[in-house]
N, C-alpha and C. Protein backbone atom coordinates (compact mmCIF):
# COMPACT_ATOMS: atom_id res chain seq x y z
N MET A 1 -7.09 35.46 24.74
CA MET A 1 -5.74 35.99 24.74
C MET A 1 -5.46 36.65 26.09
N THR A 2 -4.35 36.36 26.68
CA THR A 2 -3.95 36.92 27.96
C THR A 2 -2.79 37.87 27.75
N LEU A 3 -2.90 39.04 28.32
CA LEU A 3 -1.84 40.03 28.24
C LEU A 3 -1.03 39.97 29.53
N ILE A 4 0.26 39.74 29.41
CA ILE A 4 1.14 39.68 30.58
C ILE A 4 2.04 40.91 30.56
N ILE A 5 1.94 41.69 31.62
CA ILE A 5 2.71 42.93 31.72
C ILE A 5 3.76 42.73 32.81
N LEU A 6 5.02 42.72 32.42
CA LEU A 6 6.09 42.48 33.38
C LEU A 6 6.97 43.70 33.64
N ASN A 7 7.25 44.46 32.61
CA ASN A 7 8.24 45.53 32.74
C ASN A 7 7.63 46.93 32.70
N ILE A 8 6.37 47.04 32.96
CA ILE A 8 5.73 48.36 32.94
C ILE A 8 5.59 48.85 34.37
N PRO A 9 6.19 50.00 34.70
CA PRO A 9 6.12 50.50 36.08
C PRO A 9 4.69 50.92 36.44
N LEU A 10 4.39 50.87 37.72
CA LEU A 10 3.09 51.33 38.20
C LEU A 10 3.00 52.84 38.10
N LEU A 11 1.81 53.33 37.92
CA LEU A 11 1.59 54.78 37.90
C LEU A 11 1.34 55.23 39.33
N ASN A 12 2.42 55.46 40.05
CA ASN A 12 2.32 55.84 41.45
C ASN A 12 2.22 57.36 41.61
N ASP A 13 2.14 57.82 42.85
CA ASP A 13 2.00 59.26 43.12
C ASP A 13 3.17 60.07 42.58
N GLU A 14 4.37 59.53 42.68
CA GLU A 14 5.54 60.24 42.17
C GLU A 14 5.43 60.48 40.66
N PHE A 15 5.00 59.47 39.94
CA PHE A 15 4.80 59.62 38.50
C PHE A 15 3.72 60.64 38.21
N LEU A 16 2.59 60.54 38.91
CA LEU A 16 1.46 61.42 38.63
C LEU A 16 1.76 62.88 38.97
N GLU A 17 2.66 63.12 39.92
CA GLU A 17 3.06 64.50 40.23
C GLU A 17 3.85 65.13 39.10
N LYS A 18 4.52 64.32 38.29
CA LYS A 18 5.39 64.83 37.23
C LYS A 18 4.74 64.82 35.85
N VAL A 19 3.63 64.13 35.72
CA VAL A 19 3.02 63.98 34.41
C VAL A 19 2.49 65.32 33.89
N MET A 20 2.61 65.52 32.59
CA MET A 20 2.14 66.76 31.98
C MET A 20 1.26 66.45 30.78
N LEU A 21 0.22 67.23 30.62
CA LEU A 21 -0.63 67.12 29.44
C LEU A 21 0.01 67.96 28.34
N ARG A 22 0.23 67.36 27.21
CA ARG A 22 0.83 68.08 26.08
C ARG A 22 -0.16 68.10 24.93
N LEU A 23 -0.45 69.29 24.46
CA LEU A 23 -1.37 69.48 23.35
C LEU A 23 -0.64 70.14 22.20
N PRO A 24 -1.10 69.90 20.99
CA PRO A 24 -0.54 70.65 19.86
C PRO A 24 -0.73 72.15 20.09
N ALA A 25 0.23 72.95 19.69
CA ALA A 25 0.19 74.39 19.94
C ALA A 25 -1.09 75.03 19.45
N ILE A 26 -1.61 74.56 18.34
CA ILE A 26 -2.83 75.16 17.79
C ILE A 26 -4.02 74.98 18.73
N GLN A 27 -4.03 73.91 19.52
CA GLN A 27 -5.12 73.67 20.47
C GLN A 27 -4.84 74.32 21.82
N ALA A 28 -3.60 74.39 22.21
CA ALA A 28 -3.24 74.85 23.54
C ALA A 28 -3.68 76.29 23.80
N HIS A 29 -3.68 77.13 22.81
CA HIS A 29 -4.06 78.53 23.05
C HIS A 29 -5.56 78.72 23.13
N ASN A 30 -6.35 77.70 22.91
CA ASN A 30 -7.80 77.80 22.95
C ASN A 30 -8.42 77.16 24.19
N LEU A 31 -7.63 76.87 25.20
CA LEU A 31 -8.15 76.22 26.39
C LEU A 31 -8.63 77.22 27.42
N ILE A 32 -9.81 76.97 27.96
CA ILE A 32 -10.30 77.73 29.11
C ILE A 32 -10.86 76.72 30.09
N GLN A 33 -10.86 77.09 31.35
CA GLN A 33 -11.42 76.21 32.37
C GLN A 33 -12.78 76.75 32.77
N ILE A 34 -13.79 75.91 32.68
CA ILE A 34 -15.15 76.28 33.06
C ILE A 34 -15.58 75.36 34.19
N ILE A 35 -16.09 75.95 35.26
CA ILE A 35 -16.45 75.14 36.43
C ILE A 35 -17.59 74.18 36.09
N PRO A 36 -17.60 73.02 36.74
CA PRO A 36 -18.54 71.95 36.38
C PRO A 36 -20.02 72.34 36.37
N ASP A 37 -20.45 73.17 37.33
CA ASP A 37 -21.88 73.51 37.33
C ASP A 37 -22.25 74.40 36.14
N MET A 38 -21.30 75.20 35.66
CA MET A 38 -21.57 76.01 34.47
C MET A 38 -21.65 75.13 33.22
N ILE A 39 -20.73 74.20 33.10
CA ILE A 39 -20.77 73.25 31.97
C ILE A 39 -22.09 72.50 31.99
N ALA A 40 -22.49 72.04 33.18
CA ALA A 40 -23.75 71.28 33.30
C ALA A 40 -24.93 72.12 32.83
N TRP A 41 -24.94 73.42 33.18
CA TRP A 41 -26.05 74.29 32.75
C TRP A 41 -26.08 74.40 31.22
N PHE A 42 -24.92 74.65 30.62
CA PHE A 42 -24.87 74.76 29.16
C PHE A 42 -25.26 73.44 28.49
N GLN A 43 -24.84 72.32 29.05
CA GLN A 43 -25.19 71.02 28.48
C GLN A 43 -26.68 70.73 28.62
N PHE A 44 -27.31 71.25 29.66
CA PHE A 44 -28.74 71.03 29.91
C PHE A 44 -29.62 71.75 28.89
N GLN A 45 -29.11 72.84 28.31
CA GLN A 45 -29.86 73.55 27.27
C GLN A 45 -29.93 72.62 26.05
N ASN A 46 -30.95 72.71 25.29
CA ASN A 46 -31.15 71.75 24.20
C ASN A 46 -30.43 72.15 22.91
N VAL A 47 -29.18 72.58 23.04
CA VAL A 47 -28.35 72.90 21.87
C VAL A 47 -26.94 72.40 22.14
N GLU A 48 -26.11 72.42 21.11
CA GLU A 48 -24.71 72.04 21.26
C GLU A 48 -24.05 73.02 22.24
N HIS A 49 -23.57 72.52 23.38
CA HIS A 49 -23.10 73.40 24.44
C HIS A 49 -21.88 74.23 24.05
N LYS A 50 -21.00 73.72 23.22
CA LYS A 50 -19.82 74.49 22.83
C LYS A 50 -20.22 75.68 21.96
N ILE A 51 -21.18 75.48 21.09
CA ILE A 51 -21.67 76.58 20.25
C ILE A 51 -22.36 77.62 21.12
N LEU A 52 -23.14 77.16 22.10
CA LEU A 52 -23.84 78.08 22.99
C LEU A 52 -22.86 78.90 23.83
N ILE A 53 -21.83 78.27 24.34
CA ILE A 53 -20.82 78.99 25.14
C ILE A 53 -20.16 80.06 24.28
N ASN A 54 -19.78 79.73 23.06
CA ASN A 54 -19.17 80.72 22.16
C ASN A 54 -20.12 81.87 21.89
N SER A 55 -21.39 81.56 21.68
CA SER A 55 -22.39 82.59 21.41
C SER A 55 -22.56 83.53 22.60
N VAL A 56 -22.64 82.97 23.79
CA VAL A 56 -22.79 83.79 25.00
C VAL A 56 -21.57 84.69 25.19
N LEU A 57 -20.38 84.14 25.00
CA LEU A 57 -19.17 84.95 25.14
C LEU A 57 -19.13 86.07 24.11
N ARG A 58 -19.51 85.74 22.87
CA ARG A 58 -19.51 86.76 21.81
C ARG A 58 -20.50 87.89 22.12
N GLN A 59 -21.70 87.53 22.58
CA GLN A 59 -22.70 88.53 22.93
C GLN A 59 -22.22 89.41 24.09
N HIS A 60 -21.56 88.81 25.06
CA HIS A 60 -21.05 89.58 26.18
C HIS A 60 -19.99 90.58 25.72
N ILE A 61 -19.08 90.13 24.87
CA ILE A 61 -18.03 91.03 24.36
C ILE A 61 -18.66 92.18 23.56
N LYS A 62 -19.65 91.87 22.73
CA LYS A 62 -20.33 92.93 21.96
C LYS A 62 -21.02 93.92 22.88
N SER A 63 -21.57 93.45 23.99
CA SER A 63 -22.26 94.36 24.92
C SER A 63 -21.29 95.31 25.64
N LEU A 64 -20.02 94.95 25.69
CA LEU A 64 -19.02 95.79 26.35
C LEU A 64 -18.48 96.89 25.45
N ARG A 65 -18.76 96.79 24.15
CA ARG A 65 -18.22 97.80 23.21
C ARG A 65 -19.04 99.05 23.19
């Protein structure tokens, strides 16, 4: 099967400058940016990295109280 695309515009720089990521509101408030080397360190540990990140953050917050 051959797919012929005739009327689809190219994704050029102008388009990419305007594009926006849209997430459901319930997910949008839970976003944080973690630098790649930190993610790599958490992933290198032999546990689920998202659970480990949450645990580390929770322990840090408890230590501040």
